[in-house]
C-alpha atoms as a PDB file:
ATOM      1  CA  MET A   1       1.451 -62.393 -17.886  1.00  0.00           C
ATOM      2  CA  PHE A   2       1.846 -60.050 -20.901  1.00  0.00           C
ATOM      3  CA  GLU A   3       2.854 -56.337 -20.704  1.00  0.00           C
ATOM      4  CA  VAL A   4       2.987 -53.444 -23.126  1.00  0.00           C
ATOM      5  CA  ARG A   5       4.358 -50.003 -22.556  1.00  0.00           C
ATOM      6  CA  VAL A   6       4.144 -46.822 -24.477  1.00  0.00           C
ATOM      7  CA  THR A   7       5.929 -43.486 -23.963  1.00  0.00           C
ATOM      8  CA  ALA A   8       5.257 -39.788 -24.487  1.00  0.00           C
ATOM      9  CA  ASP A   9       6.856 -36.599 -23.129  1.00  0.00           C
ATOM     10  CA  PHE A  10       5.978 -32.979 -22.392  1.00  0.00           C
ATOM     11  CA  ALA A  11       7.772 -29.920 -21.182  1.00  0.00           C
ATOM     12  CA  ALA A  12       6.440 -28.023 -18.142  1.00  0.00           C
ATOM     13  CA  ALA A  13       7.469 -25.656 -15.368  1.00  0.00           C
ATOM     14  CA  HIS A  14       6.758 -26.035 -11.663  1.00  0.00           C
ATOM     15  CA  PHE A  15       7.936 -25.307  -8.106  1.00  0.00           C
ATOM     16  CA  LEU A  16       7.399 -27.215  -4.978  1.00  0.00           C
ATOM     17  CA  ARG A  17       5.962 -25.620  -1.867  1.00  0.00           C
ATOM     18  CA  ASP A  18       7.030 -26.791   1.612  1.00  0.00           C
ATOM     19  CA  TYR A  19      10.322 -27.911   0.146  1.00  0.00           C
ATOM     20  CA  ASN A  20      13.717 -26.625   1.267  1.00  0.00           C
ATOM     21  CA  GLY A  21      16.018 -26.636  -1.668  1.00  0.00           C
ATOM     22  CA  LYS A  22      16.425 -25.475  -5.234  1.00  0.00           C
ATOM     23  CA  CYS A  23      13.159 -27.016  -6.366  1.00  0.00           C
ATOM     24  CA  GLU A  24      11.181 -24.542  -4.295  1.00  0.00           C
ATOM     25  CA  ASN A  25      12.040 -22.100  -7.144  1.00  0.00           C
ATOM     26  CA  LEU A  26      10.260 -21.978 -10.517  1.00  0.00           C
ATOM     27  CA  HIS A  27      12.080 -24.367 -12.911  1.00  0.00           C
ATOM     28  CA  GLY A  28      11.278 -26.730 -15.809  1.00  0.00           C
ATOM     29  CA  HIS A  29      11.693 -30.267 -16.924  1.00  0.00           C
ATOM     30  CA  ASN A  30      11.372 -32.215 -20.119  1.00  0.00           C
ATOM     31  CA  TYR A  31       9.378 -35.031 -18.634  1.00  0.00           C
ATOM     32  CA  LYS A  32       9.270 -38.523 -20.135  1.00  0.00           C
ATOM     33  CA  VAL A  33       6.252 -40.698 -19.292  1.00  0.00           C
ATOM     34  CA  TYR A  34       5.679 -44.521 -19.614  1.00  0.00           C
ATOM     35  CA  ALA A  35       2.278 -46.102 -19.255  1.00  0.00           C
ATOM     36  CA  HIS A  36       2.274 -49.862 -18.483  1.00  0.00           C
ATOM     37  CA  VAL A  37      -0.562 -52.210 -19.266  1.00  0.00           C
ATOM     38  CA  LYS A  38      -0.567 -55.924 -18.236  1.00  0.00           C
ATOM     39  CA  GLY A  39      -2.851 -58.874 -18.556  1.00  0.00           C
ATOM     40  CA  PRO A  40      -2.883 -62.693 -18.700  1.00  0.00           C
ATOM     41  CA  GLU A  41      -4.599 -63.084 -22.021  1.00  0.00           C
ATOM     42  CA  LEU A  42      -4.220 -61.938 -25.584  1.00  0.00           C
ATOM     43  CA  ASN A  43      -7.111 -60.935 -27.772  1.00  0.00           C
ATOM     44  CA  GLU A  44      -8.156 -62.650 -30.893  1.00  0.00           C
ATOM     45  CA  GLY A  45      -5.570 -60.660 -32.905  1.00  0.00           C
ATOM     46  CA  GLY A  46      -2.743 -61.947 -30.615  1.00  0.00           C
ATOM     47  CA  MET A  47      -2.284 -58.611 -28.754  1.00  0.00           C
ATOM     48  CA  LEU A  48      -2.734 -57.575 -25.171  1.00  0.00           C
ATOM     49  CA  MET A  49      -4.083 -54.266 -26.507  1.00  0.00           C
ATOM     50  CA  ASP A  50      -3.681 -51.926 -29.427  1.00  0.00           C
ATOM     51  CA  PHE A  51      -0.639 -49.770 -28.966  1.00  0.00           C
ATOM     52  CA  SER A  52      -2.159 -46.827 -30.781  1.00  0.00           C
ATOM     53  CA  LYS A  53      -5.176 -46.626 -28.332  1.00  0.00           C
ATOM     54  CA  LEU A  54      -2.935 -46.512 -25.280  1.00  0.00           C
ATOM     55  CA  LYS A  55      -0.414 -44.145 -26.955  1.00  0.00           C
ATOM     56  CA  GLY A  56      -3.222 -41.857 -28.082  1.00  0.00           C
ATOM     57  CA  ALA A  57      -4.617 -41.545 -24.650  1.00  0.00           C
ATOM     58  CA  LEU A  58      -1.271 -41.003 -23.054  1.00  0.00           C
ATOM     59  CA  ARG A  59      -0.419 -38.271 -25.571  1.00  0.00           C
ATOM     60  CA  LEU A  60      -3.691 -36.462 -25.055  1.00  0.00           C
ATOM     61  CA  VAL A  61      -3.249 -36.397 -21.232  1.00  0.00           C
ATOM     62  CA  CYS A  62       0.363 -35.213 -21.602  1.00  0.00           C
ATOM     63  CA  LYS A  63      -0.640 -32.521 -24.108  1.00  0.00           C
ATOM     64  CA  GLU A  64      -2.830 -31.039 -21.315  1.00  0.00           C
ATOM     65  CA  LEU A  65       0.340 -30.554 -19.311  1.00  0.00           C
ATOM     66  CA  ASP A  66       2.736 -29.517 -22.062  1.00  0.00           C
ATOM     67  CA  HIS A  67       4.114 -25.979 -21.848  1.00  0.00           C
ATOM     68  CA  THR A  68       2.264 -25.015 -18.727  1.00  0.00           C
ATOM     69  CA  ASN A  69       3.116 -23.888 -15.196  1.00  0.00           C
ATOM     70  CA  LEU A  70       1.824 -27.002 -13.347  1.00  0.00           C
ATOM     71  CA  ASN A  71       1.317 -24.957 -10.227  1.00  0.00           C
ATOM     72  CA  ASP A  72      -1.536 -23.167 -12.061  1.00  0.00           C
ATOM     73  CA  MET A  73      -3.525 -26.436 -12.141  1.00  0.00           C
ATOM     74  CA  SER A  74      -5.656 -26.803  -8.978  1.00  0.00           C
ATOM     75  CA  VAL A  75      -5.510 -30.574  -9.126  1.00  0.00           C
ATOM     76  CA  PHE A  76      -1.920 -30.454  -7.895  1.00  0.00           C
ATOM     77  CA  ASP A  77      -2.750 -28.260  -4.884  1.00  0.00           C
ATOM     78  CA  GLN A  78       0.269 -25.992  -5.612  1.00  0.00           C
ATOM     79  CA  ASN A  79       2.605 -29.036  -5.185  1.00  0.00           C
ATOM     80  CA  PRO A  80       3.007 -30.680  -8.631  1.00  0.00           C
ATOM     81  CA  SER A  81       5.554 -33.376  -7.591  1.00  0.00           C
ATOM     82  CA  ALA A  82       6.429 -36.178  -9.987  1.00  0.00           C
ATOM     83  CA  GLU A  83       4.264 -38.495  -7.907  1.00  0.00           C
ATOM     84  CA  ARG A  84       1.199 -36.239  -8.242  1.00  0.00           C
ATOM     85  CA  ILE A  85       1.899 -35.855 -11.911  1.00  0.00           C
ATOM     86  CA  ALA A  86       2.047 -39.679 -12.359  1.00  0.00           C
ATOM     87  CA  MET A  87      -1.328 -40.110 -10.580  1.00  0.00           C
ATOM     88  CA  TYR A  88      -2.913 -37.293 -12.667  1.00  0.00           C
ATOM     89  CA  ILE A  89      -1.765 -39.062 -15.856  1.00  0.00           C
ATOM     90  CA  TYR A  90      -2.853 -42.522 -14.676  1.00  0.00           C
ATOM     91  CA  ASN A  91      -6.352 -41.193 -13.954  1.00  0.00           C
ATOM     92  CA  GLY A  92      -6.539 -39.241 -17.175  1.00  0.00           C
ATOM     93  CA  ILE A  93      -5.632 -42.318 -19.297  1.00  0.00           C
ATOM     94  CA  ILE A  94      -8.271 -44.443 -17.395  1.00  0.00           C
ATOM     95  CA  ASP A  95     -10.895 -41.736 -17.862  1.00  0.00           C
ATOM     96  CA  PHE A  96     -10.192 -41.219 -21.547  1.00  0.00           C
ATOM     97  CA  LEU A  97     -10.169 -44.884 -22.466  1.00  0.00           C
ATOM     98  CA  LYS A  98     -13.366 -45.500 -20.505  1.00  0.00           C
ATOM     99  CA  ASN A  99     -15.091 -42.849 -22.761  1.00  0.00           C
ATOM    100  CA  GLU A 100     -13.774 -44.792 -25.696  1.00  0.00           C
ATOM    101  CA  GLY A 101     -15.315 -47.964 -24.371  1.00  0.00           C
ATOM    102  CA  LEU A 102     -12.175 -49.562 -22.984  1.00  0.00           C
ATOM    103  CA  ASP A 103     -11.939 -50.039 -19.230  1.00  0.00           C
ATOM    104  CA  LEU A 104      -8.301 -50.598 -18.017  1.00  0.00           C
ATOM    105  CA  THR A 105      -9.205 -50.170 -14.360  1.00  0.00           C
ATOM    106  CA  TYR A 106      -7.877 -52.880 -12.099  1.00  0.00           C
ATOM    107  CA  LYS A 107     -10.364 -55.219 -10.595  1.00  0.00           C
ATOM    108  CA  LYS A 108      -9.516 -58.434  -8.720  1.00  0.00           C
ATOM    109  CA  GLY A 109      -9.878 -61.372 -11.064  1.00  0.00           C
ATOM    110  CA  LYS A 110     -10.161 -59.269 -14.151  1.00  0.00           C
ATOM    111  CA  LYS A 111      -8.964 -61.227 -17.257  1.00  0.00           C
ATOM    112  CA  GLY A 112      -8.523 -58.246 -19.605  1.00  0.00           C
ATOM    113  CA  PRO A 113      -5.711 -55.783 -19.632  1.00  0.00           C
ATOM    114  CA  VAL A 114      -5.224 -53.200 -16.832  1.00  0.00           C
ATOM    115  CA  LEU A 115      -3.285 -50.039 -16.650  1.00  0.00           C
ATOM    116  CA  TYR A 116      -1.093 -50.809 -13.707  1.00  0.00           C
ATOM    117  CA  ALA A 117       1.625 -48.234 -13.669  1.00  0.00           C
ATOM    118  CA  VAL A 118       2.621 -44.802 -14.914  1.00  0.00           C
ATOM    119  CA  ASP A 119       6.279 -43.649 -14.693  1.00  0.00           C
ATOM    120  CA  VAL A 120       7.196 -39.949 -14.823  1.00  0.00           C
ATOM    121  CA  PHE A 121      10.854 -39.091 -15.272  1.00  0.00           C
ATOM    122  CA  GLU A 122      11.900 -35.586 -14.434  1.00  0.00           C
ATOM    123  CA  THR A 123      15.429 -36.451 -15.591  1.00  0.00           C
ATOM    124  CA  GLU A 124      17.000 -39.686 -16.891  1.00  0.00           C
ATOM    125  CA  THR A 125      17.899 -40.638 -13.282  1.00  0.00           C
ATOM    126  CA  SER A 126      14.779 -39.458 -11.334  1.00  0.00           C
ATOM    127  CA  ARG A 127      11.500 -41.367 -11.668  1.00  0.00           C
ATOM    128  CA  ALA A 128       8.248 -41.482  -9.793  1.00  0.00           C
ATOM    129  CA  ARG A 129       5.728 -44.164 -10.286  1.00  0.00           C
ATOM    130  CA  TYR A 130       2.018 -44.434  -9.660  1.00  0.00           C
ATOM    131  CA  ARG A 131       0.655 -47.945  -9.811  1.00  0.00           C
ATOM    132  CA  VAL A 132      -2.367 -49.930  -8.584  1.00  0.00           C
ATOM    133  CA  ASP A 133      -1.735 -52.450  -5.838  1.00  0.00           C
ATOM    134  CA  GLU A 134      -2.998 -55.898  -6.340  1.00  0.00           C
END
């Protein structure tokens, strides 16, 4: 099994509803995001996939979030947790690359590459992951 990973970052503010603690107050993070693709076979060029295509998709999705108050985005239902942000970025990458003719969606028995995980770090020591279950 081969794996590639690209990274991007963005800065955003948020607060968490239904949370008792300092994170219920508006605050910000410099988020770091990793997108992981895996697959059993390399293409004719000896690569799992082109880094630049994956990195471009990740950066475009992160740009949508950069310098925003995440609570203003209805998709997060006023609770933009790192877990929900990871799922949002995962789905955004999948959608963008499908529009570019590259389907990284997991399907049982698929031979090509799949986007299987997105990690969102709020800090160097706090990470949430959204991944597909096989």
